[in-house]
Amino acid sequence: MTISQGSAPEKTEVLYGLDNIINTNLQFLSKAHRIDSCGDDKAAPAIIEINAYKDLLFEIKSRGIKVRYITDITKYNIHYCKELMKFVDDTRHLDGIKSNFSVSETEYLDSITTVQKTQSTPHIIYSNVRDIVDQQKYVFESFWNKAIPAEQRIREIEEGIEPEFFEVIAEHKRTSQIFLDLTKSVKNEALFLFPNDKAMIRAYRLGVIDHLIKASQKQNSANIKIICPLSKENSDIVRKVSEQAPNIRILNGTDSLYGMYIIDGEKMFRVEMREPKAETFAEAIGFALYSNRKNTVESFRSIYELLWNERVLNEELKKTYKMQEEFIKMQQEFINIASHEMKTPTQAILAYSTLVERHPERRDEMIEAITRNAVRLQKLTEDILDVTRIESNTLKLKKEQFDLNEKIRNGTDDASHVLDDSDNAIKILFDLEPKKYVQGKQCTIIEADKVRIYQVIFNLLSNAIKFTNKVAGNSISIAAMNDGENNQVIVSVKDTGEGIDPEMLQKLFTKFATKSHTGTGLGLFISKSIIEAHGGRIWAENNKDGKGASFYFSLPLIKNPEQQSLERNHNSKSQ
């Protein structure tokens, strides 16, 4: 076809035969100052191996023609592409390109058949029609803008780096296979967002969950996080993951319109939900996005981390709210208990005060009862004040040196005096063993607050009395054991009572913890705070013979007084 326009007719024609093709190429080169060319993955090998085309390359080089070239560089043609780049100014790679054409300032050659060595009748299409030339220039620029530098693609092939891709996948079977293959490939990290509770079940049936468990069990276990709405439906799978792969972290999520899966920070897979309640993965999904582009993966990873942190914060807020609820409940229980405890002695004091007026002949008996209840009320008031001081960090200790055994004897005597007639069956035994002495003094010298340590001893003895049945043969023993190896003294209070309820054992020394029908449960909490303020510790256990319980506390020992005195004198002289 020829269109005449003055002295320069425009034409488009098909030329056959290698000689015609070579001559046309030479004429094309003679008029060109710049050439833009495309070739498929077979173009470079043909150009380099066919001498006629290789001669054209030398012609281009010698004439100084500027050439931009786009081709599909693969591991099979990389050698030829490197050779071709010696003759070309700028080369780029474009996945799967199938066009074979060249365009100059004024002409266009469609050389789709010129590079086929097996072609029996080679031919080309030539055109200098302006509209066709402009159209092909536009096509080339579109390809060029999408292509990547040849050097980058060659480096990726030689270093085994996967080329970037971004795919929209509609084929459900392929989507399922990609999902499974991605899970199998996990090395360092897997971030999973399941859109609903059923999605975890579908993933389990597909084999995805088992592969995640295996990735977590490897020597260098992968960091695996899962966000998924949790329900009764997927509870068995969650339990299996927890038992077999405790390193996999699962957070409760909310229903979503899509699933998101990010592997090793290198690939992302986003799957649209079409049928959220479907039984199989393929039935449930719609379109899927699949990419390894760095910016894309990092963007989705950032979104995932935001979702994860939001869920973590949500869980922490729930725990905090629950703790607050429990604390408020415990406070209310304490107020109820304290009110009851204060009400009982207060009412007794008021009642006995009235009876004294009505029955003066029983004055002594009434005053004794009033005094007993007043002491009880005072003890409760002091306990509440102590808790306030402990929680406000204003509990002050007045430390001095004293023999701990003396305070134990005082506590034992006082506890024996509070036993009423029905308690007389209980014996309180004070064991002085082992008898270790330094210059006539037993080695249980400590530096502490006398009043507070006595308070702990009396609390433990009173507690033992309260929970020991009033039966002949039952006893409470207390002893201070010198543990010189650890430079501490250990006090033990053992009873033959009913033992510690297993439910109470873990929270025994916490505030308001009590199983008794009387008392606030503050004694052990206060005792723990006092002992820890002295640098010691307190603990309890049920006796191994099944009879009663044992309470222990430890306190640091000081060096024997004589040695400490000598050291003080020596330091004083040195100064």
Protein backbone atom coordinates (compact mmCIF):
# COMPACT_ATOMS: atom_id res chain seq x y z
CA MET A 1 0.00 0.00 0.00
CA THR A 2 1.41 3.36 -1.03
CA ILE A 3 -0.02 6.79 -0.21
CA SER A 4 1.47 9.60 -2.23
CA GLN A 5 2.05 12.87 -0.39
CA GLY A 6 4.13 15.14 -2.60
CA SER A 7 7.70 14.06 -3.15
CA ALA A 8 7.89 11.67 -0.15
CA PRO A 9 5.29 8.91 -0.62
CA GLU A 10 4.23 7.03 2.52
CA LYS A 11 4.04 3.29 2.16
CA THR A 12 3.61 0.07 4.05
CA GLU A 13 4.86 -3.15 2.51
CA VAL A 14 5.82 -6.73 3.28
CA LEU A 15 9.30 -7.79 2.11
CA TYR A 16 10.38 -11.42 1.66
CA GLY A 17 13.78 -13.09 1.48
CA LEU A 18 16.90 -12.59 3.55
CA ASP A 19 18.58 -10.32 0.95
CA ASN A 20 15.60 -7.97 0.83
CA ILE A 21 15.43 -7.94 4.62
CA ILE A 22 19.13 -7.10 5.00
CA ASN A 23 18.96 -4.34 2.35
CA THR A 24 15.87 -2.84 3.97
CA ASN A 25 17.61 -2.89 7.35
CA LEU A 26 20.65 -1.16 5.87
CA GLN A 27 18.46 1.54 4.30
CA PHE A 28 16.63 1.86 7.64
CA LEU A 29 19.97 2.36 9.39
CA SER A 30 21.22 4.88 6.82
CA LYS A 31 18.43 7.30 7.65
CA ALA A 32 18.32 6.73 11.44
CA HIS A 33 20.06 8.66 14.18
CA ARG A 34 18.16 6.89 16.94
CA ILE A 35 16.48 3.48 17.03
CA ASP A 36 14.11 1.99 19.60
CA SER A 37 13.83 -1.79 19.32
CA CYS A 38 12.03 -4.71 21.02
CA GLY A 39 12.82 -8.40 20.87
CA ASP A 40 11.44 -11.53 22.55
CA ASP A 41 13.56 -14.05 24.49
CA LYS A 42 14.69 -15.71 21.22
CA ALA A 43 15.81 -12.48 19.54
CA ALA A 44 19.24 -12.04 21.16
CA PRO A 45 20.47 -15.61 20.37
CA ALA A 46 19.36 -15.27 16.71
CA ILE A 47 20.96 -11.84 16.27
CA ILE A 48 24.29 -13.00 17.73
CA GLU A 49 24.39 -16.35 15.88
CA ILE A 50 23.21 -15.18 12.43
CA ASN A 51 26.16 -13.41 10.83
CA ALA A 52 24.01 -11.13 8.68
CA TYR A 53 22.32 -9.65 11.72
CA LYS A 54 25.58 -9.44 13.65
CA ASP A 55 27.01 -7.40 10.76
CA LEU A 56 24.12 -4.99 11.21
CA LEU A 57 25.17 -4.52 14.86
CA PHE A 58 28.67 -3.52 13.78
CA GLU A 59 27.12 -1.13 11.28
CA ILE A 60 25.05 0.46 14.05
CA LYS A 61 28.14 0.77 16.25
CA SER A 62 30.29 2.29 13.53
CA ARG A 63 27.64 4.86 12.52
CA GLY A 64 27.17 5.96 16.18
CA ILE A 65 23.43 5.32 16.11
CA LYS A 66 21.82 5.58 19.56
CA VAL A 67 19.86 2.42 20.36
CA ARG A 68 17.43 1.55 23.15
CA TYR A 69 16.57 -2.15 23.33
CA ILE A 70 13.93 -4.08 25.30
CA THR A 71 14.01 -7.88 25.59
CA ASP A 72 13.05 -10.72 27.91
CA ILE A 73 16.29 -11.75 29.66
CA THR A 74 16.23 -15.30 30.99
CA LYS A 75 18.81 -17.70 32.40
CA TYR A 76 18.80 -19.39 28.96
CA ASN A 77 19.66 -16.30 26.87
CA ILE A 78 21.68 -14.27 29.40
CA HIS A 79 24.98 -14.92 27.55
CA TYR A 80 23.57 -13.61 24.24
CA CYS A 81 22.02 -10.59 25.94
CA LYS A 82 25.39 -9.66 27.44
CA GLU A 83 26.96 -9.82 23.96
CA LEU A 84 24.15 -7.75 22.47
CA MET A 85 24.58 -5.08 25.17
CA LYS A 86 28.09 -4.34 23.82
CA PHE A 87 26.48 -2.82 20.73
CA VAL A 88 23.49 -1.15 22.36
CA ASP A 89 23.47 2.07 24.39
CA ASP A 90 20.69 1.15 26.84
CA THR A 91 19.06 -2.25 27.37
CA ARG A 92 16.08 -3.12 29.56
CA HIS A 93 14.24 -6.27 30.58
CA LEU A 94 10.47 -6.85 30.38
CA ASP A 95 8.93 -10.15 31.46
CA GLY A 96 7.26 -12.10 28.67
CA ILE A 97 7.56 -9.48 25.92
CA LYS A 98 6.60 -10.95 22.49
CA SER A 99 6.99 -7.92 20.20
CA ASN A 100 9.84 -7.81 17.63
CA PHE A 101 10.01 -4.38 16.03
CA SER A 102 12.25 -1.35 15.52
CA VAL A 103 11.23 2.27 15.09
CA SER A 104 13.38 5.26 14.09
CA GLU A 105 12.49 8.92 13.72
CA THR A 106 10.58 8.30 10.47
CA GLU A 107 10.35 4.52 9.83
CA TYR A 108 9.06 1.33 11.35
CA LEU A 109 10.18 -2.30 10.87
CA ASP A 110 8.19 -5.24 12.20
CA SER A 111 10.91 -7.87 12.31
CA ILE A 112 8.93 -10.56 14.07
CA THR A 113 10.16 -13.21 11.64
CA THR A 114 13.66 -11.92 10.96
CA VAL A 115 15.12 -13.50 14.09
CA GLN A 116 13.61 -16.94 13.66
CA LYS A 117 16.39 -19.24 12.46
CA THR A 118 13.95 -21.96 11.55
CA GLN A 119 11.76 -19.67 9.43
CA SER A 120 11.80 -21.00 5.85
CA THR A 121 10.65 -17.76 4.16
CA PRO A 122 11.73 -14.83 6.34
CA HIS A 123 9.88 -11.54 5.88
CA ILE A 124 9.41 -8.14 7.47
CA ILE A 125 6.83 -5.39 7.44
CA TYR A 126 8.14 -1.95 6.61
CA SER A 127 6.28 1.35 6.98
CA ASN A 128 7.03 5.04 6.87
CA VAL A 129 3.40 6.07 7.38
CA ARG A 130 3.57 8.76 10.01
CA ASP A 131 0.60 7.57 12.05
CA ILE A 132 1.99 4.02 12.19
CA VAL A 133 5.45 5.27 13.18
CA ASP A 134 3.99 7.49 15.93
CA GLN A 135 1.80 4.66 17.17
CA GLN A 136 4.82 2.31 17.48
CA LYS A 137 6.84 4.99 19.22
CA TYR A 138 4.04 5.23 21.80
CA VAL A 139 3.96 1.41 22.19
CA PHE A 140 7.72 1.33 22.72
CA GLU A 141 7.62 4.08 25.36
CA SER A 142 4.89 2.18 27.19
CA PHE A 143 7.07 -0.93 27.25
CA TRP A 144 10.17 1.08 28.20
CA ASN A 145 8.53 2.65 31.22
CA LYS A 146 7.49 -0.77 32.54
CA ALA A 147 10.86 -2.41 31.90
CA ILE A 148 13.78 -2.65 34.38
CA PRO A 149 17.50 -2.13 33.64
CA ALA A 150 19.15 -5.16 32.02
CA GLU A 151 21.98 -5.03 34.59
CA GLN A 152 19.46 -5.44 37.42
CA ARG A 153 17.81 -8.43 35.74
CA ILE A 154 21.18 -10.07 34.99
CA ARG A 155 22.23 -9.62 38.62
CA GLU A 156 18.95 -11.16 39.80
CA ILE A 157 19.50 -14.21 37.60
CA GLU A 158 23.15 -14.64 38.57
CA GLU A 159 22.44 -14.18 42.30
CA GLY A 160 19.26 -16.26 42.24
CA ILE A 161 17.03 -13.29 43.11
CA GLU A 162 13.41 -13.65 42.10
CA PRO A 163 12.21 -10.83 39.82
CA GLU A 164 9.52 -8.48 41.10
CA PHE A 165 5.92 -9.27 40.23
CA PHE A 166 2.40 -8.11 41.06
CA GLU A 167 -0.41 -10.42 40.02
CA VAL A 168 -4.17 -10.38 40.22
CA ILE A 169 -5.30 -14.01 40.30
CA ALA A 170 -8.83 -15.15 39.58
CA GLU A 171 -8.16 -18.87 39.15
CA HIS A 172 -9.13 -20.48 42.48
CA LYS A 173 -7.13 -23.66 42.00
CA ARG A 174 -3.94 -21.67 41.41
CA THR A 175 -4.72 -19.41 44.38
CA SER A 176 -5.01 -22.46 46.64
CA GLN A 177 -1.69 -23.82 45.41
CA ILE A 178 0.10 -20.49 45.91
CA PHE A 179 -1.25 -20.29 49.47
CA LEU A 180 0.00 -23.78 50.27
CA ASP A 181 3.39 -23.24 48.57
CA LEU A 182 3.90 -19.98 50.46
CA THR A 183 3.28 -21.71 53.78
CA LYS A 184 5.72 -24.48 52.89
CA SER A 185 8.38 -21.87 52.10
CA VAL A 186 8.33 -20.12 55.51
CA LYS A 187 11.85 -19.64 56.86
CA ASN A 188 11.95 -16.68 59.23
CA GLU A 189 8.51 -15.13 59.57
CA ALA A 190 4.85 -15.69 58.76
CA LEU A 191 2.17 -13.09 59.45
CA PHE A 192 -1.36 -14.45 58.97
CA LEU A 193 -4.66 -12.59 59.13
CA PHE A 194 -7.57 -14.99 58.81
CA PRO A 195 -10.80 -13.19 57.84
CA ASN A 196 -13.09 -15.31 60.03
CA ASP A 197 -13.10 -18.34 62.33
CA LYS A 198 -13.98 -20.66 59.44
CA ALA A 199 -10.89 -19.51 57.49
CA MET A 200 -8.61 -21.22 60.03
CA ILE A 201 -10.55 -24.45 59.56
CA ARG A 202 -10.24 -24.20 55.77
CA ALA A 203 -6.49 -23.52 56.10
CA TYR A 204 -6.17 -26.57 58.36
CA ARG A 205 -7.91 -28.78 55.79
CA LEU A 206 -5.60 -27.43 53.10
CA GLY A 207 -2.54 -28.40 55.18
CA VAL A 208 -1.46 -24.83 55.91
CA ILE A 209 -1.60 -25.07 59.72
CA ASP A 210 0.54 -28.25 59.79
CA HIS A 211 3.23 -26.51 57.72
CA LEU A 212 3.20 -23.52 60.11
CA ILE A 213 3.63 -25.89 63.06
CA LYS A 214 6.61 -27.55 61.33
CA ALA A 215 8.19 -24.14 60.60
CA SER A 216 7.85 -23.26 64.28
CA GLN A 217 9.41 -26.55 65.42
CA LYS A 218 12.62 -26.18 63.40
CA GLN A 219 15.89 -25.44 65.17
CA ASN A 220 15.81 -21.81 64.07
CA SER A 221 12.08 -21.51 64.58
CA ALA A 222 10.19 -18.99 62.48
CA ASN A 223 8.41 -16.05 64.08
CA ILE A 224 4.75 -16.85 63.39
CA LYS A 225 1.84 -14.56 64.30
CA ILE A 226 -1.81 -15.30 63.63
CA ILE A 227 -4.78 -12.96 63.98
CA CYS A 228 -8.06 -14.83 63.73
CA PRO A 229 -11.56 -14.53 65.20
CA LEU A 230 -11.60 -17.27 67.85
CA SER A 231 -14.69 -19.36 68.48
CA LYS A 232 -15.83 -22.78 69.54
CA GLU A 233 -15.57 -23.88 65.89
CA ASN A 234 -11.80 -23.43 65.63
CA SER A 235 -10.94 -24.01 69.31
CA ASP A 236 -9.57 -27.53 68.66
CA ILE A 237 -7.15 -26.20 66.04
CA VAL A 238 -6.02 -23.39 68.36
CA ARG A 239 -5.47 -25.96 71.12
CA LYS A 240 -3.43 -28.16 68.78
CA VAL A 241 -1.24 -25.22 67.76
CA SER A 242 -0.78 -24.23 71.40
CA GLU A 243 0.27 -27.76 72.39
CA GLN A 244 2.51 -28.58 69.42
CA ALA A 245 3.91 -25.12 68.64
CA PRO A 246 3.78 -22.88 71.73
CA ASN A 247 5.98 -20.31 69.95
CA ILE A 248 3.16 -19.51 67.51
CA ARG A 249 1.27 -16.52 68.85
CA ILE A 250 -2.47 -16.28 68.19
CA LEU A 251 -4.61 -13.22 68.93
CA ASN A 252 -8.35 -12.93 68.73
CA GLY A 253 -9.46 -10.84 65.74
CA THR A 254 -12.62 -9.52 64.15
CA ASP A 255 -14.35 -10.61 60.94
CA SER A 256 -12.84 -9.12 57.78
CA LEU A 257 -13.63 -9.08 54.05
CA TYR A 258 -10.22 -10.45 53.13
CA GLY A 259 -7.34 -12.59 54.36
CA MET A 260 -3.76 -11.30 54.41
CA TYR A 261 -0.61 -13.44 54.49
CA ILE A 262 2.99 -12.12 54.51
CA ILE A 263 5.93 -14.52 54.26
CA ASP A 264 9.50 -13.70 55.38
CA GLY A 265 8.92 -10.02 54.62
CA GLU A 266 9.37 -10.90 50.93
CA LYS A 267 5.95 -11.92 49.59
CA MET A 268 2.39 -10.86 50.31
CA PHE A 269 -0.83 -12.64 49.48
CA ARG A 270 -4.19 -10.90 49.92
CA VAL A 271 -7.31 -12.97 49.27
CA GLU A 272 -10.83 -11.61 48.91
CA MET A 273 -13.63 -13.52 50.65
CA ARG A 274 -16.51 -14.42 48.33
CA GLU A 275 -18.27 -17.11 50.40
CA PRO A 276 -17.12 -16.62 54.05
CA LYS A 277 -18.87 -19.77 55.32
CA ALA A 278 -17.76 -22.12 52.52
CA GLU A 279 -16.16 -25.41 53.52
CA THR A 280 -13.09 -25.27 51.27
CA PHE A 281 -10.56 -22.53 50.57
CA ALA A 282 -11.21 -22.60 46.81
CA GLU A 283 -14.97 -22.20 47.32
CA ALA A 284 -14.57 -19.31 49.76
CA ILE A 285 -12.24 -17.02 47.83
CA GLY A 286 -12.63 -14.42 45.11
CA PHE A 287 -9.79 -12.43 43.56
CA ALA A 288 -6.28 -12.63 45.06
CA LEU A 289 -3.35 -10.22 44.96
CA TYR A 290 0.12 -11.78 44.95
CA SER A 291 3.34 -9.78 44.92
CA ASN A 292 6.96 -9.66 45.99
CA ARG A 293 7.45 -5.96 45.27
CA LYS A 294 9.38 -4.51 48.18
CA ASN A 295 7.20 -1.43 48.65
CA THR A 296 4.00 -3.45 48.37
CA VAL A 297 5.14 -6.09 50.87
CA GLU A 298 6.38 -3.47 53.34
CA SER A 299 3.09 -1.58 53.09
CA PHE A 300 1.03 -4.67 53.88
CA ARG A 301 3.47 -5.67 56.62
CA SER A 302 3.01 -2.25 58.24
CA ILE A 303 -0.77 -2.68 58.07
CA TYR A 304 -0.44 -6.09 59.70
CA GLU A 305 1.76 -4.75 62.52
CA LEU A 306 -0.77 -1.99 63.18
CA LEU A 307 -3.54 -4.60 63.41
CA TRP A 308 -1.38 -6.82 65.64
CA ASN A 309 -0.49 -3.96 68.02
CA GLU A 310 -4.13 -2.91 68.14
CA ARG A 311 -5.14 -6.45 69.13
CA VAL A 312 -2.35 -6.65 71.75
CA LEU A 313 -3.48 -3.34 73.24
CA ASN A 314 -7.08 -4.55 73.20
CA GLU A 315 -6.11 -7.74 75.05
CA GLU A 316 -4.11 -5.75 77.62
CA LEU A 317 -7.04 -3.39 78.16
CA LYS A 318 -9.33 -6.38 78.70
CA LYS A 319 -6.89 -7.81 81.27
CA THR A 320 -6.58 -4.44 82.97
CA TYR A 321 -10.35 -4.03 83.05
CA LYS A 322 -10.71 -7.54 84.46
CA MET A 323 -8.07 -6.82 87.12
CA GLN A 324 -9.85 -3.60 88.00
CA GLU A 325 -13.12 -5.47 88.30
CA GLU A 326 -11.47 -8.08 90.52
CA PHE A 327 -9.81 -5.38 92.61
CA ILE A 328 -13.11 -3.54 93.05
CA LYS A 329 -14.74 -6.83 93.97
CA MET A 330 -11.99 -7.60 96.49
CA GLN A 331 -12.27 -4.10 97.94
CA GLN A 332 -16.01 -4.51 98.30
CA GLU A 333 -15.51 -7.88 99.96
CA PHE A 334 -12.94 -6.33 102.29
CA ILE A 335 -15.30 -3.49 103.18
CA ASN A 336 -18.04 -6.03 103.89
CA ILE A 337 -15.70 -8.16 105.99
CA ALA A 338 -14.22 -5.15 107.81
CA SER A 339 -17.69 -3.74 108.43
CA HIS A 340 -18.82 -7.06 109.83
CA GLU A 341 -15.69 -7.47 111.94
CA MET A 342 -15.96 -3.93 113.31
CA LYS A 343 -19.68 -4.24 113.86
CA THR A 344 -19.37 -7.36 116.02
CA PRO A 345 -17.04 -5.97 118.74
CA THR A 346 -18.71 -2.55 118.57
CA GLN A 347 -22.13 -4.08 119.22
CA ALA A 348 -20.67 -6.21 121.99
CA ILE A 349 -19.09 -3.16 123.66
CA LEU A 350 -22.41 -1.27 123.47
CA ALA A 351 -24.38 -4.27 124.76
CA TYR A 352 -22.04 -4.97 127.69
CA SER A 353 -21.97 -1.26 128.55
CA THR A 354 -25.77 -1.34 128.90
CA LEU A 355 -25.64 -4.57 130.91
CA VAL A 356 -23.14 -3.03 133.39
CA GLU A 357 -25.76 -0.45 134.29
CA ARG A 358 -28.49 -3.08 134.68
CA HIS A 359 -26.39 -5.71 136.47
CA PRO A 360 -23.80 -3.95 138.60
CA GLU A 361 -23.20 -7.22 140.46
CA ARG A 362 -21.58 -8.62 137.23
CA ARG A 363 -19.44 -5.52 136.71
CA ASP A 364 -16.07 -7.31 136.54
CA GLU A 365 -17.34 -9.88 134.02
CA MET A 366 -18.85 -7.15 131.83
CA ILE A 367 -15.74 -4.94 131.90
CA GLU A 368 -13.58 -7.93 130.93
CA ALA A 369 -15.85 -8.59 127.92
CA ILE A 370 -15.79 -4.89 126.96
CA THR A 371 -11.99 -4.88 127.18
CA ARG A 372 -11.69 -8.05 125.07
CA ASN A 373 -13.86 -6.60 122.30
CA ALA A 374 -12.11 -3.24 122.46
CA VAL A 375 -8.77 -5.01 121.93
CA ARG A 376 -10.28 -6.88 118.99
CA LEU A 377 -11.56 -3.61 117.49
CA GLN A 378 -8.18 -1.97 118.05
CA LYS A 379 -6.39 -4.86 116.29
CA LEU A 380 -8.67 -4.53 113.27
CA THR A 381 -8.11 -0.78 113.14
CA GLU A 382 -4.33 -1.25 113.33
CA ASP A 383 -4.41 -3.83 110.52
CA ILE A 384 -6.32 -1.46 108.26
CA LEU A 385 -3.85 1.34 109.05
CA ASP A 386 -0.91 -1.00 108.36
CA VAL A 387 -2.34 -1.91 104.93
CA THR A 388 -2.70 1.79 104.16
CA ARG A 389 0.93 2.42 105.14
CA ILE A 390 2.17 -0.54 103.08
CA GLU A 391 0.29 0.53 99.95
CA SER A 392 1.42 4.16 100.29
CA ASN A 393 5.04 3.09 101.01
CA THR A 394 5.02 4.90 104.35
CA LEU A 395 5.61 1.83 106.56
CA LYS A 396 8.63 2.84 108.63
CA LEU A 397 10.94 0.45 110.47
CA LYS A 398 12.83 1.23 113.67
CA LYS A 399 15.71 -1.19 113.46
CA GLU A 400 17.86 -2.33 116.38
CA GLN A 401 19.86 -5.41 117.29
CA PHE A 402 18.16 -8.10 119.35
CA ASP A 403 18.00 -11.84 119.85
CA LEU A 404 15.16 -13.20 117.74
CA ASN A 405 14.58 -16.07 120.19
CA GLU A 406 13.55 -13.58 122.85
CA LYS A 407 10.79 -12.22 120.63
CA ILE A 408 9.68 -15.75 119.74
CA ARG A 409 9.42 -16.58 123.46
CA ASN A 410 7.37 -13.39 124.02
CA GLY A 411 5.07 -14.27 121.13
CA THR A 412 4.67 -17.85 122.39
CA ASP A 413 3.80 -16.70 125.91
CA ASP A 414 1.29 -14.15 124.66
CA ALA A 415 -0.32 -16.63 122.26
CA SER A 416 -0.62 -19.17 125.10
CA HIS A 417 -2.41 -16.59 127.24
CA VAL A 418 -5.07 -15.91 124.58
CA LEU A 419 -6.03 -19.59 124.42
CA ASP A 420 -9.41 -20.00 126.06
CA ASP A 421 -10.57 -23.05 127.99
CA SER A 422 -11.57 -24.90 124.82
CA ASP A 423 -8.10 -24.29 123.35
CA ASN A 424 -6.23 -25.84 126.24
CA ALA A 425 -5.93 -29.12 124.34
CA ILE A 426 -3.49 -27.34 121.96
CA LYS A 427 0.13 -27.14 123.07
CA ILE A 428 2.48 -24.43 121.79
CA LEU A 429 6.03 -25.75 121.72
CA PHE A 430 9.05 -23.46 121.50
CA ASP A 431 12.09 -25.31 120.18
CA LEU A 432 15.46 -23.69 120.91
CA GLU A 433 17.38 -26.16 118.71
CA PRO A 434 20.00 -25.94 117.36
CA LYS A 435 21.77 -24.42 120.38
CA LYS A 436 24.62 -22.48 118.82
CA TYR A 437 26.28 -19.93 121.04
CA VAL A 438 29.01 -17.30 120.80
CA GLN A 439 30.38 -16.30 124.20
CA GLY A 440 27.28 -17.56 125.91
CA LYS A 441 24.80 -15.91 123.49
CA GLN A 442 22.72 -17.80 120.94
CA CYS A 443 23.46 -17.00 117.28
CA THR A 444 20.05 -15.58 116.30
CA ILE A 445 21.02 -11.93 116.50
CA ILE A 446 19.28 -9.79 113.90
CA GLU A 447 18.89 -6.10 113.21
CA ALA A 448 15.21 -5.38 112.73
CA ASP A 449 12.11 -3.63 114.03
CA LYS A 450 11.26 -5.48 117.26
CA VAL A 451 7.61 -4.49 117.23
CA ARG A 452 7.05 -5.50 113.60
CA ILE A 453 8.87 -8.85 113.90
CA TYR A 454 6.84 -9.63 117.01
CA GLN A 455 3.71 -8.72 115.01
CA VAL A 456 4.66 -11.33 112.36
CA ILE A 457 5.39 -14.03 114.97
CA PHE A 458 2.11 -13.39 116.79
CA ASN A 459 0.17 -13.32 113.50
CA LEU A 460 1.53 -16.72 112.48
CA LEU A 461 0.85 -18.25 115.89
CA SER A 462 -2.68 -16.80 115.98
CA ASN A 463 -3.29 -18.12 112.48
CA ALA A 464 -2.10 -21.58 113.53
CA ILE A 465 -4.35 -21.55 116.58
CA LYS A 466 -7.35 -20.53 114.47
CA PHE A 467 -6.94 -23.45 112.04
CA THR A 468 -5.93 -26.16 114.53
CA ASN A 469 -8.72 -28.35 115.88
CA LYS A 470 -9.16 -28.26 119.66
CA VAL A 471 -8.32 -31.94 120.12
CA ALA A 472 -5.91 -33.40 122.61
CA GLY A 473 -2.57 -34.19 120.97
CA ASN A 474 -2.68 -31.31 118.49
CA SER A 475 0.21 -28.89 118.79
CA ILE A 476 1.89 -25.86 117.35
CA SER A 477 5.67 -25.67 117.28
CA ILE A 478 7.88 -22.67 116.57
CA ALA A 479 11.64 -22.63 116.12
CA ALA A 480 14.43 -20.39 114.86
CA MET A 481 17.06 -22.22 112.81
CA ASN A 482 20.44 -20.62 112.17
CA ASP A 483 21.37 -20.97 108.48
CA GLY A 484 24.98 -19.83 108.65
CA GLU A 485 25.74 -20.96 105.11
CA ASN A 486 23.32 -18.34 103.73
CA ASN A 487 23.85 -15.94 106.64
CA GLN A 488 20.19 -15.99 107.63
CA VAL A 489 17.85 -17.26 110.30
CA ILE A 490 14.70 -19.21 109.39
CA VAL A 491 11.68 -19.23 111.67
CA SER A 492 9.14 -22.02 111.26
CA VAL A 493 5.63 -22.28 112.67
CA LYS A 494 4.16 -25.77 112.29
CA ASP A 495 0.68 -26.88 113.25
CA THR A 496 -1.26 -30.14 113.16
CA GLY A 497 -4.46 -28.52 111.93
CA GLU A 498 -6.52 -28.91 108.76
CA GLY A 499 -3.83 -27.67 106.37
CA ILE A 500 -4.05 -25.04 103.64
CA ASP A 501 -6.87 -25.25 101.12
CA PRO A 502 -5.26 -25.81 97.64
CA GLU A 503 -7.43 -23.00 96.29
CA MET A 504 -5.85 -20.61 98.80
CA LEU A 505 -2.23 -21.76 98.49
CA GLN A 506 -1.36 -19.55 95.49
CA LYS A 507 -2.94 -16.38 96.93
CA LEU A 508 -2.21 -17.03 100.59
CA PHE A 509 -0.21 -13.84 101.22
CA THR A 510 -2.34 -11.53 99.08
CA LYS A 511 -4.65 -8.90 100.49
CA PHE A 512 -8.16 -9.97 101.59
CA ALA A 513 -7.35 -13.69 101.02
CA THR A 514 -9.18 -15.73 103.66
CA LYS A 515 -11.33 -18.83 103.96
CA SER A 516 -12.13 -18.13 107.59
CA HIS A 517 -15.57 -17.00 108.72
CA THR A 518 -13.83 -14.50 110.98
CA GLY A 519 -10.97 -12.17 110.18
CA THR A 520 -10.15 -9.90 107.25
CA GLY A 521 -7.36 -11.95 105.70
CA LEU A 522 -4.93 -9.08 106.26
CA GLY A 523 -2.58 -10.72 108.76
CA LEU A 524 -0.53 -12.74 106.28
CA PHE A 525 -0.45 -9.88 103.75
CA ILE A 526 0.92 -7.53 106.42
CA SER A 527 3.40 -10.17 107.61
CA LYS A 528 4.72 -10.68 104.07
CA SER A 529 5.20 -6.94 103.60
CA ILE A 530 7.06 -6.60 106.92
CA ILE A 531 9.41 -9.53 106.24
CA GLU A 532 10.18 -8.38 102.69
CA ALA A 533 10.85 -4.85 103.97
CA HIS A 534 13.59 -6.44 106.14
CA GLY A 535 15.17 -8.19 103.12
CA GLY A 536 13.71 -11.61 103.96
CA ARG A 537 10.99 -13.78 102.49
CA ILE A 538 7.94 -15.70 103.74
CA TRP A 539 6.32 -18.89 102.42
CA ALA A 540 4.06 -21.77 103.42
CA GLU A 541 3.36 -25.41 102.57
CA ASN A 542 1.21 -28.28 103.72
CA ASN A 543 3.05 -30.84 105.85
CA LYS A 544 4.16 -33.96 104.03
CA ASP A 545 2.42 -36.27 106.52
CA GLY A 546 -0.90 -34.65 105.58
CA LYS A 547 -1.41 -33.18 109.06
CA GLY A 548 -1.43 -29.41 109.21
CA ALA A 549 0.73 -26.79 107.56
CA SER A 550 4.06 -25.03 108.05
CA PHE A 551 4.78 -21.33 107.66
CA TYR A 552 8.33 -20.03 107.32
CA PHE A 553 10.06 -16.70 107.16
CA SER A 554 13.72 -15.83 106.80
CA LEU A 555 15.68 -12.78 107.96
CA PRO A 556 19.30 -11.78 107.37
CA LEU A 557 21.66 -12.46 110.29
CA ILE A 558 24.18 -9.87 111.38
CA LYS A 559 27.77 -10.77 112.16
CA ASN A 560 28.29 -11.75 115.77
CA PRO A 561 28.13 -8.63 117.95
CA GLU A 562 31.72 -8.90 119.18
CA GLN A 563 33.16 -9.07 115.63
CA GLN A 564 30.94 -6.18 114.50
CA SER A 565 32.05 -4.10 117.48
CA LEU A 566 35.71 -4.73 116.68
CA GLU A 567 35.15 -3.72 113.04
CA ARG A 568 33.42 -0.50 114.13
CA ASN A 569 36.31 0.36 116.44
CA HIS A 570 38.85 -0.39 113.69
CA ASN A 571 37.00 1.79 111.19
CA SER A 572 36.74 4.57 113.75
CA LYS A 573 40.51 4.57 114.38
CA SER A 574 41.24 4.49 110.65
CA GLN A 575 39.19 7.61 110.14
